[in-house]
Amino acid sequence: SINVGEVNTTIAEVKARYCASNSGAD
């Protein structure tokens, strides 16, 4: 991509939201 947008999160935040537990997982 030429531009995916501006950074608004971190790897740590992504992992805390989606990888800490399976609660709410699809």
mmCIF file of all heavy atoms, coordinates in Angstrom:
data_MODEL
# 
_entry.id   MODEL 
# 
loop_
_atom_site.group_PDB 
_atom_site.id 
_atom_site.type_symbol 
_atom_site.label_atom_id 
_atom_site.label_alt_id 
_atom_site.label_comp_id 
_atom_site.label_asym_id 
_atom_site.label_entity_id 
_atom_site.label_seq_id 
_atom_site.pdbx_PDB_ins_code 
_atom_site.Cartn_x 
_atom_site.Cartn_y 
_atom_site.Cartn_z 
_atom_site.occupancy 
_atom_site.B_iso_or_equiv 
_atom_site.pdbx_formal_charge 
_atom_site.auth_seq_id 
_atom_site.auth_comp_id 
_atom_site.auth_asym_id 
_atom_site.auth_atom_id 
_atom_site.pdbx_PDB_model_num 
ATOM 1   N N   . SER A 1 1  ? 0.831   -1.198  0.000  1.00 0.00 ? 1  SER A N   1 
ATOM 2   C CA  . SER A 1 1  ? 0.000   0.000   0.000  1.00 0.00 ? 1  SER A CA  1 
ATOM 3   C C   . SER A 1 1  ? 0.869   1.253   0.000  1.00 0.00 ? 1  SER A C   1 
ATOM 4   O O   . SER A 1 1  ? 1.957   1.276   0.585  1.00 0.00 ? 1  SER A O   1 
ATOM 5   C CB  . SER A 1 1  ? -0.905  0.010   1.233  1.00 0.00 ? 1  SER A CB  1 
ATOM 6   O OG  . SER A 1 1  ? -1.608  1.225   1.344  1.00 0.00 ? 1  SER A OG  1 
ATOM 7   N N   . ILE A 1 2  ? 0.402   2.297   -0.629 1.00 0.00 ? 2  ILE A N   1 
ATOM 8   C CA  . ILE A 1 2  ? 1.090   3.581   -0.590 1.00 0.00 ? 2  ILE A CA  1 
ATOM 9   C C   . ILE A 1 2  ? 0.840   4.268   0.750  1.00 0.00 ? 2  ILE A C   1 
ATOM 10  O O   . ILE A 1 2  ? 1.717   4.917   1.313  1.00 0.00 ? 2  ILE A O   1 
ATOM 11  C CB  . ILE A 1 2  ? 0.628   4.478   -1.751 1.00 0.00 ? 2  ILE A CB  1 
ATOM 12  C CG1 . ILE A 1 2  ? 1.001   3.843   -3.094 1.00 0.00 ? 2  ILE A CG1 1 
ATOM 13  C CG2 . ILE A 1 2  ? 1.229   5.882   -1.641 1.00 0.00 ? 2  ILE A CG2 1 
ATOM 14  C CD1 . ILE A 1 2  ? 0.480   4.591   -4.300 1.00 0.00 ? 2  ILE A CD1 1 
ATOM 15  N N   . ASN A 1 3  ? -0.361  4.076   1.290  1.00 0.00 ? 3  ASN A N   1 
ATOM 16  C CA  . ASN A 1 3  ? -0.714  4.734   2.543  1.00 0.00 ? 3  ASN A CA  1 
ATOM 17  C C   . ASN A 1 3  ? -1.832  3.952   3.226  1.00 0.00 ? 3  ASN A C   1 
ATOM 18  O O   . ASN A 1 3  ? -2.950  3.909   2.729  1.00 0.00 ? 3  ASN A O   1 
ATOM 19  C CB  . ASN A 1 3  ? -1.150  6.177   2.289  1.00 0.00 ? 3  ASN A CB  1 
ATOM 20  C CG  . ASN A 1 3  ? -1.447  6.934   3.568  1.00 0.00 ? 3  ASN A CG  1 
ATOM 21  O OD1 . ASN A 1 3  ? -1.196  6.441   4.670  1.00 0.00 ? 3  ASN A OD1 1 
ATOM 22  N ND2 . ASN A 1 3  ? -1.967  8.135   3.427  1.00 0.00 ? 3  ASN A ND2 1 
ATOM 23  N N   . VAL A 1 4  ? -1.543  3.345   4.370  1.00 0.00 ? 4  VAL A N   1 
ATOM 24  C CA  . VAL A 1 4  ? -2.571  2.602   5.112  1.00 0.00 ? 4  VAL A CA  1 
ATOM 25  C C   . VAL A 1 4  ? -3.225  3.452   6.189  1.00 0.00 ? 4  VAL A C   1 
ATOM 26  O O   . VAL A 1 4  ? -4.135  2.986   6.887  1.00 0.00 ? 4  VAL A O   1 
ATOM 27  C CB  . VAL A 1 4  ? -1.980  1.323   5.756  1.00 0.00 ? 4  VAL A CB  1 
ATOM 28  C CG1 . VAL A 1 4  ? -1.464  0.365   4.705  1.00 0.00 ? 4  VAL A CG1 1 
ATOM 29  C CG2 . VAL A 1 4  ? -0.904  1.670   6.782  1.00 0.00 ? 4  VAL A CG2 1 
ATOM 30  N N   . GLY A 1 5  ? -2.748  4.702   6.344  1.00 0.00 ? 5  GLY A N   1 
ATOM 31  C CA  . GLY A 1 5  ? -3.302  5.574   7.373  1.00 0.00 ? 5  GLY A CA  1 
ATOM 32  C C   . GLY A 1 5  ? -2.282  5.903   8.452  1.00 0.00 ? 5  GLY A C   1 
ATOM 33  O O   . GLY A 1 5  ? -1.140  5.440   8.409  1.00 0.00 ? 5  GLY A O   1 
ATOM 34  N N   . GLU A 1 6  ? -2.703  6.697   9.404  1.00 0.00 ? 6  GLU A N   1 
ATOM 35  C CA  . GLU A 1 6  ? -1.823  7.116   10.487 1.00 0.00 ? 6  GLU A CA  1 
ATOM 36  C C   . GLU A 1 6  ? -1.868  6.127   11.651 1.00 0.00 ? 6  GLU A C   1 
ATOM 37  O O   . GLU A 1 6  ? -2.920  5.562   11.960 1.00 0.00 ? 6  GLU A O   1 
ATOM 38  C CB  . GLU A 1 6  ? -2.220  8.509   10.979 1.00 0.00 ? 6  GLU A CB  1 
ATOM 39  C CG  . GLU A 1 6  ? -2.041  9.601   9.934  1.00 0.00 ? 6  GLU A CG  1 
ATOM 40  C CD  . GLU A 1 6  ? -0.605  9.727   9.458  1.00 0.00 ? 6  GLU A CD  1 
ATOM 41  O OE1 . GLU A 1 6  ? 0.303   9.699   10.329 1.00 0.00 ? 6  GLU A OE1 1 
ATOM 42  O OE2 . GLU A 1 6  ? -0.391  9.849   8.241  1.00 0.00 ? 6  GLU A OE2 1 
ATOM 43  N N   . VAL A 1 7  ? -0.732  5.958   12.277 1.00 0.00 ? 7  VAL A N   1 
ATOM 44  C CA  . VAL A 1 7  ? -0.632  5.039   13.416 1.00 0.00 ? 7  VAL A CA  1 
ATOM 45  C C   . VAL A 1 7  ? -1.546  5.499   14.555 1.00 0.00 ? 7  VAL A C   1 
ATOM 46  O O   . VAL A 1 7  ? -1.536  6.675   14.939 1.00 0.00 ? 7  VAL A O   1 
ATOM 47  C CB  . VAL A 1 7  ? 0.822   4.949   13.908 1.00 0.00 ? 7  VAL A CB  1 
ATOM 48  C CG1 . VAL A 1 7  ? 0.912   4.140   15.199 1.00 0.00 ? 7  VAL A CG1 1 
ATOM 49  C CG2 . VAL A 1 7  ? 1.716   4.346   12.832 1.00 0.00 ? 7  VAL A CG2 1 
ATOM 50  N N   . ASN A 1 8  ? -2.349  4.569   15.084 1.00 0.00 ? 8  ASN A N   1 
ATOM 51  C CA  . ASN A 1 8  ? -3.248  4.909   16.194 1.00 0.00 ? 8  ASN A CA  1 
ATOM 52  C C   . ASN A 1 8  ? -3.278  3.861   17.297 1.00 0.00 ? 8  ASN A C   1 
ATOM 53  O O   . ASN A 1 8  ? -4.093  3.928   18.212 1.00 0.00 ? 8  ASN A O   1 
ATOM 54  C CB  . ASN A 1 8  ? -4.666  5.159   15.683 1.00 0.00 ? 8  ASN A CB  1 
ATOM 55  C CG  . ASN A 1 8  ? -5.253  3.963   14.943 1.00 0.00 ? 8  ASN A CG  1 
ATOM 56  O OD1 . ASN A 1 8  ? -4.755  2.845   15.053 1.00 0.00 ? 8  ASN A OD1 1 
ATOM 57  N ND2 . ASN A 1 8  ? -6.304  4.203   14.177 1.00 0.00 ? 8  ASN A ND2 1 
ATOM 58  N N   . THR A 1 9  ? -2.382  2.870   17.215 1.00 0.00 ? 9  THR A N   1 
ATOM 59  C CA  . THR A 1 9  ? -2.310  1.857   18.266 1.00 0.00 ? 9  THR A CA  1 
ATOM 60  C C   . THR A 1 9  ? -0.914  1.253   18.278 1.00 0.00 ? 9  THR A C   1 
ATOM 61  O O   . THR A 1 9  ? -0.051  1.641   17.477 1.00 0.00 ? 9  THR A O   1 
ATOM 62  C CB  . THR A 1 9  ? -3.382  0.768   18.059 1.00 0.00 ? 9  THR A CB  1 
ATOM 63  O OG1 . THR A 1 9  ? -3.439  -0.074  19.222 1.00 0.00 ? 9  THR A OG1 1 
ATOM 64  C CG2 . THR A 1 9  ? -3.083  -0.091  16.843 1.00 0.00 ? 9  THR A CG2 1 
ATOM 65  N N   . THR A 1 10 ? -0.666  0.317   19.183 1.00 0.00 ? 10 THR A N   1 
ATOM 66  C CA  . THR A 1 10 ? 0.635   -0.342  19.300 1.00 0.00 ? 10 THR A CA  1 
ATOM 67  C C   . THR A 1 10 ? 0.445   -1.851  19.292 1.00 0.00 ? 10 THR A C   1 
ATOM 68  O O   . THR A 1 10 ? -0.671  -2.362  19.466 1.00 0.00 ? 10 THR A O   1 
ATOM 69  C CB  . THR A 1 10 ? 1.345   0.055   20.608 1.00 0.00 ? 10 THR A CB  1 
ATOM 70  O OG1 . THR A 1 10 ? 0.597   -0.473  21.721 1.00 0.00 ? 10 THR A OG1 1 
ATOM 71  C CG2 . THR A 1 10 ? 1.456   1.571   20.741 1.00 0.00 ? 10 THR A CG2 1 
ATOM 72  N N   . ILE A 1 11 ? 1.538   -2.562  19.118 1.00 0.00 ? 11 ILE A N   1 
ATOM 73  C CA  . ILE A 1 11 ? 1.482   -4.023  19.173 1.00 0.00 ? 11 ILE A CA  1 
ATOM 74  C C   . ILE A 1 11 ? 0.973   -4.475  20.538 1.00 0.00 ? 11 ILE A C   1 
ATOM 75  O O   . ILE A 1 11 ? 0.159   -5.399  20.640 1.00 0.00 ? 11 ILE A O   1 
ATOM 76  C CB  . ILE A 1 11 ? 2.857   -4.642  18.869 1.00 0.00 ? 11 ILE A CB  1 
ATOM 77  C CG1 . ILE A 1 11 ? 3.251   -4.395  17.408 1.00 0.00 ? 11 ILE A CG1 1 
ATOM 78  C CG2 . ILE A 1 11 ? 2.852   -6.150  19.156 1.00 0.00 ? 11 ILE A CG2 1 
ATOM 79  C CD1 . ILE A 1 11 ? 4.636   -4.888  17.039 1.00 0.00 ? 11 ILE A CD1 1 
ATOM 80  N N   . ALA A 1 12 ? 1.432   -3.801  21.589 1.00 0.00 ? 12 ALA A N   1 
ATOM 81  C CA  . ALA A 1 12 ? 1.004   -4.168  22.943 1.00 0.00 ? 12 ALA A CA  1 
ATOM 82  C C   . ALA A 1 12 ? -0.506  -4.026  23.093 1.00 0.00 ? 12 ALA A C   1 
ATOM 83  O O   . ALA A 1 12 ? -1.178  -4.893  23.671 1.00 0.00 ? 12 ALA A O   1 
ATOM 84  C CB  . ALA A 1 12 ? 1.721   -3.306  23.978 1.00 0.00 ? 12 ALA A CB  1 
ATOM 85  N N   . GLU A 1 13 ? -1.066  -2.947  22.573 1.00 0.00 ? 13 GLU A N   1 
ATOM 86  C CA  . GLU A 1 13 ? -2.503  -2.724  22.680 1.00 0.00 ? 13 GLU A CA  1 
ATOM 87  C C   . GLU A 1 13 ? -3.295  -3.732  21.853 1.00 0.00 ? 13 GLU A C   1 
ATOM 88  O O   . GLU A 1 13 ? -4.352  -4.209  22.275 1.00 0.00 ? 13 GLU A O   1 
ATOM 89  C CB  . GLU A 1 13 ? -2.835  -1.294  22.249 1.00 0.00 ? 13 GLU A CB  1 
ATOM 90  C CG  . GLU A 1 13 ? -2.318  -0.246  23.225 1.00 0.00 ? 13 GLU A CG  1 
ATOM 91  C CD  . GLU A 1 13 ? -2.427  1.168   22.690 1.00 0.00 ? 13 GLU A CD  1 
ATOM 92  O OE1 . GLU A 1 13 ? -2.632  1.343   21.470 1.00 0.00 ? 13 GLU A OE1 1 
ATOM 93  O OE2 . GLU A 1 13 ? -2.298  2.109   23.491 1.00 0.00 ? 13 GLU A OE2 1 
ATOM 94  N N   . VAL A 1 14 ? -2.775  -4.062  20.675 1.00 0.00 ? 14 VAL A N   1 
ATOM 95  C CA  . VAL A 1 14 ? -3.438  -5.058  19.825 1.00 0.00 ? 14 VAL A CA  1 
ATOM 96  C C   . VAL A 1 14 ? -3.468  -6.414  20.524 1.00 0.00 ? 14 VAL A C   1 
ATOM 97  O O   . VAL A 1 14 ? -4.497  -7.100  20.558 1.00 0.00 ? 14 VAL A O   1 
ATOM 98  C CB  . VAL A 1 14 ? -2.721  -5.154  18.461 1.00 0.00 ? 14 VAL A CB  1 
ATOM 99  C CG1 . VAL A 1 14 ? -3.220  -6.363  17.674 1.00 0.00 ? 14 VAL A CG1 1 
ATOM 100 C CG2 . VAL A 1 14 ? -2.939  -3.880  17.653 1.00 0.00 ? 14 VAL A CG2 1 
ATOM 101 N N   . LYS A 1 15 ? -2.350  -6.818  21.119 1.00 0.00 ? 15 LYS A N   1 
ATOM 102 C CA  . LYS A 1 15 ? -2.284  -8.105  21.796 1.00 0.00 ? 15 LYS A CA  1 
ATOM 103 C C   . LYS A 1 15 ? -3.188  -8.137  23.027 1.00 0.00 ? 15 LYS A C   1 
ATOM 104 O O   . LYS A 1 15 ? -3.846  -9.144  23.299 1.00 0.00 ? 15 LYS A O   1 
ATOM 105 C CB  . LYS A 1 15 ? -0.830  -8.430  22.168 1.00 0.00 ? 15 LYS A CB  1 
ATOM 106 C CG  . LYS A 1 15 ? 0.042   -8.737  20.959 1.00 0.00 ? 15 LYS A CG  1 
ATOM 107 C CD  . LYS A 1 15 ? 1.515   -8.834  21.309 1.00 0.00 ? 15 LYS A CD  1 
ATOM 108 C CE  . LYS A 1 15 ? 1.856   -10.006 22.160 1.00 0.00 ? 15 LYS A CE  1 
ATOM 109 N NZ  . LYS A 1 15 ? 3.311   -10.185 22.335 1.00 0.00 ? 15 LYS A NZ  1 
ATOM 110 N N   . ALA A 1 16 ? -3.219  -7.016  23.770 1.00 0.00 ? 16 ALA A N   1 
ATOM 111 C CA  . ALA A 1 16 ? -4.079  -6.967  24.953 1.00 0.00 ? 16 ALA A CA  1 
ATOM 112 C C   . ALA A 1 16 ? -5.552  -7.089  24.572 1.00 0.00 ? 16 ALA A C   1 
ATOM 113 O O   . ALA A 1 16 ? -6.348  -7.687  25.300 1.00 0.00 ? 16 ALA A O   1 
ATOM 114 C CB  . ALA A 1 16 ? -3.834  -5.669  25.711 1.00 0.00 ? 16 ALA A CB  1 
ATOM 115 N N   . ARG A 1 17 ? -5.909  -6.560  23.422 1.00 0.00 ? 17 ARG A N   1 
ATOM 116 C CA  . ARG A 1 17 ? -7.313  -6.554  23.008 1.00 0.00 ? 17 ARG A CA  1 
ATOM 117 C C   . ARG A 1 17 ? -7.747  -7.889  22.425 1.00 0.00 ? 17 ARG A C   1 
ATOM 118 O O   . ARG A 1 17 ? -8.876  -8.345  22.671 1.00 0.00 ? 17 ARG A O   1 
ATOM 119 C CB  . ARG A 1 17 ? -7.531  -5.442  21.990 1.00 0.00 ? 17 ARG A CB  1 
ATOM 120 C CG  . ARG A 1 17 ? -8.965  -5.298  21.484 1.00 0.00 ? 17 ARG A CG  1 
ATOM 121 C CD  . ARG A 1 17 ? -9.112  -4.033  20.680 1.00 0.00 ? 17 ARG A CD  1 
ATOM 122 N NE  . ARG A 1 17 ? -10.449 -3.908  20.105 1.00 0.00 ? 17 ARG A NE  1 
ATOM 123 C CZ  . ARG A 1 17 ? -10.865 -2.858  19.399 1.00 0.00 ? 17 ARG A CZ  1 
ATOM 124 N NH1 . ARG A 1 17 ? -10.049 -1.831  19.188 1.00 0.00 ? 17 ARG A NH1 1 
ATOM 125 N NH2 . ARG A 1 17 ? -12.094 -2.821  18.907 1.00 0.00 ? 17 ARG A NH2 1 
ATOM 126 N N   . TYR A 1 18 ? -6.867  -8.552  21.656 1.00 0.00 ? 18 TYR A N   1 
ATOM 127 C CA  . TYR A 1 18 ? -7.289  -9.724  20.899 1.00 0.00 ? 18 TYR A CA  1 
ATOM 128 C C   . TYR A 1 18 ? -6.626  -11.037 21.324 1.00 0.00 ? 18 TYR A C   1 
ATOM 129 O O   . TYR A 1 18 ? -7.102  -12.107 20.929 1.00 0.00 ? 18 TYR A O   1 
ATOM 130 C CB  . TYR A 1 18 ? -7.014  -9.517  19.409 1.00 0.00 ? 18 TYR A CB  1 
ATOM 131 C CG  . TYR A 1 18 ? -7.813  -8.401  18.786 1.00 0.00 ? 18 TYR A CG  1 
ATOM 132 C CD1 . TYR A 1 18 ? -7.223  -7.165  18.503 1.00 0.00 ? 18 TYR A CD1 1 
ATOM 133 C CD2 . TYR A 1 18 ? -9.158  -8.565  18.472 1.00 0.00 ? 18 TYR A CD2 1 
ATOM 134 C CE1 . TYR A 1 18 ? -7.947  -6.131  17.927 1.00 0.00 ? 18 TYR A CE1 1 
ATOM 135 C CE2 . TYR A 1 18 ? -9.892  -7.545  17.887 1.00 0.00 ? 18 TYR A CE2 1 
ATOM 136 C CZ  . TYR A 1 18 ? -9.285  -6.333  17.619 1.00 0.00 ? 18 TYR A CZ  1 
ATOM 137 O OH  . TYR A 1 18 ? -10.009 -5.308  17.059 1.00 0.00 ? 18 TYR A OH  1 
ATOM 138 N N   . CYS A 1 19 ? -5.535  -10.953 22.084 1.00 0.00 ? 19 CYS A N   1 
ATOM 139 C CA  . CYS A 1 19 ? -4.754  -12.167 22.369 1.00 0.00 ? 19 CYS A CA  1 
ATOM 140 C C   . CYS A 1 19 ? -4.712  -12.548 23.843 1.00 0.00 ? 19 CYS A C   1 
ATOM 141 O O   . CYS A 1 19 ? -4.223  -13.633 24.179 1.00 0.00 ? 19 CYS A O   1 
ATOM 142 C CB  . CYS A 1 19 ? -3.320  -11.997 21.864 1.00 0.00 ? 19 CYS A CB  1 
ATOM 143 S SG  . CYS A 1 19 ? -3.203  -11.535 20.119 1.00 0.00 ? 19 CYS A SG  1 
ATOM 144 N N   . ALA A 1 20 ? -5.210  -11.685 24.725 1.00 0.00 ? 20 ALA A N   1 
ATOM 145 C CA  . ALA A 1 20 ? -5.148  -11.974 26.158 1.00 0.00 ? 20 ALA A CA  1 
ATOM 146 C C   . ALA A 1 20 ? -6.076  -13.115 26.548 1.00 0.00 ? 20 ALA A C   1 
ATOM 147 O O   . ALA A 1 20 ? -5.765  -13.917 27.426 1.00 0.00 ? 20 ALA A O   1 
ATOM 148 C CB  . ALA A 1 20 ? -5.483  -10.718 26.961 1.00 0.00 ? 20 ALA A CB  1 
ATOM 149 N N   . SER A 1 21 ? -7.241  -13.181 25.892 1.00 0.00 ? 21 SER A N   1 
ATOM 150 C CA  . SER A 1 21 ? -8.189  -14.256 26.178 1.00 0.00 ? 21 SER A CA  1 
ATOM 151 C C   . SER A 1 21 ? -9.100  -14.426 24.967 1.00 0.00 ? 21 SER A C   1 
ATOM 152 O O   . SER A 1 21 ? -9.114  -13.595 24.057 1.00 0.00 ? 21 SER A O   1 
ATOM 153 C CB  . SER A 1 21 ? -9.027  -13.946 27.418 1.00 0.00 ? 21 SER A CB  1 
ATOM 154 O OG  . SER A 1 21 ? -10.021 -12.970 27.128 1.00 0.00 ? 21 SER A OG  1 
ATOM 155 N N   . ASN A 1 22 ? -9.875  -15.515 24.967 1.00 0.00 ? 22 ASN A N   1 
ATOM 156 C CA  . ASN A 1 22 ? -10.798 -15.772 23.861 1.00 0.00 ? 22 ASN A CA  1 
ATOM 157 C C   . ASN A 1 22 ? -12.178 -15.183 24.104 1.00 0.00 ? 22 ASN A C   1 
ATOM 158 O O   . ASN A 1 22 ? -13.114 -15.440 23.343 1.00 0.00 ? 22 ASN A O   1 
ATOM 159 C CB  . ASN A 1 22 ? -10.909 -17.271 23.587 1.00 0.00 ? 22 ASN A CB  1 
ATOM 160 C CG  . ASN A 1 22 ? -11.394 -18.053 24.795 1.00 0.00 ? 22 ASN A CG  1 
ATOM 161 O OD1 . ASN A 1 22 ? -11.839 -17.480 25.791 1.00 0.00 ? 22 ASN A OD1 1 
ATOM 162 N ND2 . ASN A 1 22 ? -11.291 -19.379 24.715 1.00 0.00 ? 22 ASN A ND2 1 
ATOM 163 N N   . SER A 1 23 ? -12.307 -14.382 25.149 1.00 0.00 ? 23 SER A N   1 
ATOM 164 C CA  . SER A 1 23 ? -13.587 -13.746 25.434 1.00 0.00 ? 23 SER A CA  1 
ATOM 165 C C   . SER A 1 23 ? -13.953 -12.779 24.306 1.00 0.00 ? 23 SER A C   1 
ATOM 166 O O   . SER A 1 23 ? -13.189 -11.859 23.990 1.00 0.00 ? 23 SER A O   1 
ATOM 167 C CB  . SER A 1 23 ? -13.510 -12.989 26.768 1.00 0.00 ? 23 SER A CB  1 
ATOM 168 O OG  . SER A 1 23 ? -14.716 -12.297 27.028 1.00 0.00 ? 23 SER A OG  1 
ATOM 169 N N   . GLY A 1 24 ? -15.082 -13.010 23.689 1.00 0.00 ? 24 GLY A N   1 
ATOM 170 C CA  . GLY A 1 24 ? -15.530 -12.155 22.602 1.00 0.00 ? 24 GLY A CA  1 
ATOM 171 C C   . GLY A 1 24 ? -14.936 -12.478 21.251 1.00 0.00 ? 24 GLY A C   1 
ATOM 172 O O   . GLY A 1 24 ? -15.216 -11.772 20.270 1.00 0.00 ? 24 GLY A O   1 
ATOM 173 N N   . ALA A 1 25 ? -14.140 -13.539 21.161 1.00 0.00 ? 25 ALA A N   1 
ATOM 174 C CA  . ALA A 1 25 ? -13.527 -13.911 19.878 1.00 0.00 ? 25 ALA A CA  1 
ATOM 175 C C   . ALA A 1 25 ? -14.590 -14.378 18.890 1.00 0.00 ? 25 ALA A C   1 
ATOM 176 O O   . ALA A 1 25 ? -15.618 -14.945 19.275 1.00 0.00 ? 25 ALA A O   1 
ATOM 177 C CB  . ALA A 1 25 ? -12.486 -15.000 20.085 1.00 0.00 ? 25 ALA A CB  1 
ATOM 178 N N   . ASP A 1 26 ? -14.354 -14.148 17.607 1.00 0.00 ? 26 ASP A N   1 
ATOM 179 C CA  . ASP A 1 26 ? -15.292 -14.592 16.573 1.00 0.00 ? 26 ASP A CA  1 
ATOM 180 C C   . ASP A 1 26 ? -15.363 -16.110 16.493 1.00 0.00 ? 26 ASP A C   1 
ATOM 181 O O   . ASP A 1 26 ? -16.414 -16.671 16.223 1.00 0.00 ? 26 ASP A O   1 
ATOM 182 C CB  . ASP A 1 26 ? -14.887 -14.021 15.209 1.00 0.00 ? 26 ASP A CB  1 
ATOM 183 C CG  . ASP A 1 26 ? -15.170 -12.524 15.107 1.00 0.00 ? 26 ASP A CG  1 
ATOM 184 O OD1 . ASP A 1 26 ? -15.845 -11.993 16.004 1.00 0.00 ? 26 ASP A OD1 1 
ATOM 185 O OD2 . ASP A 1 26 ? -14.695 -11.898 14.132 1.00 0.00 ? 26 ASP A OD2 1 
# 
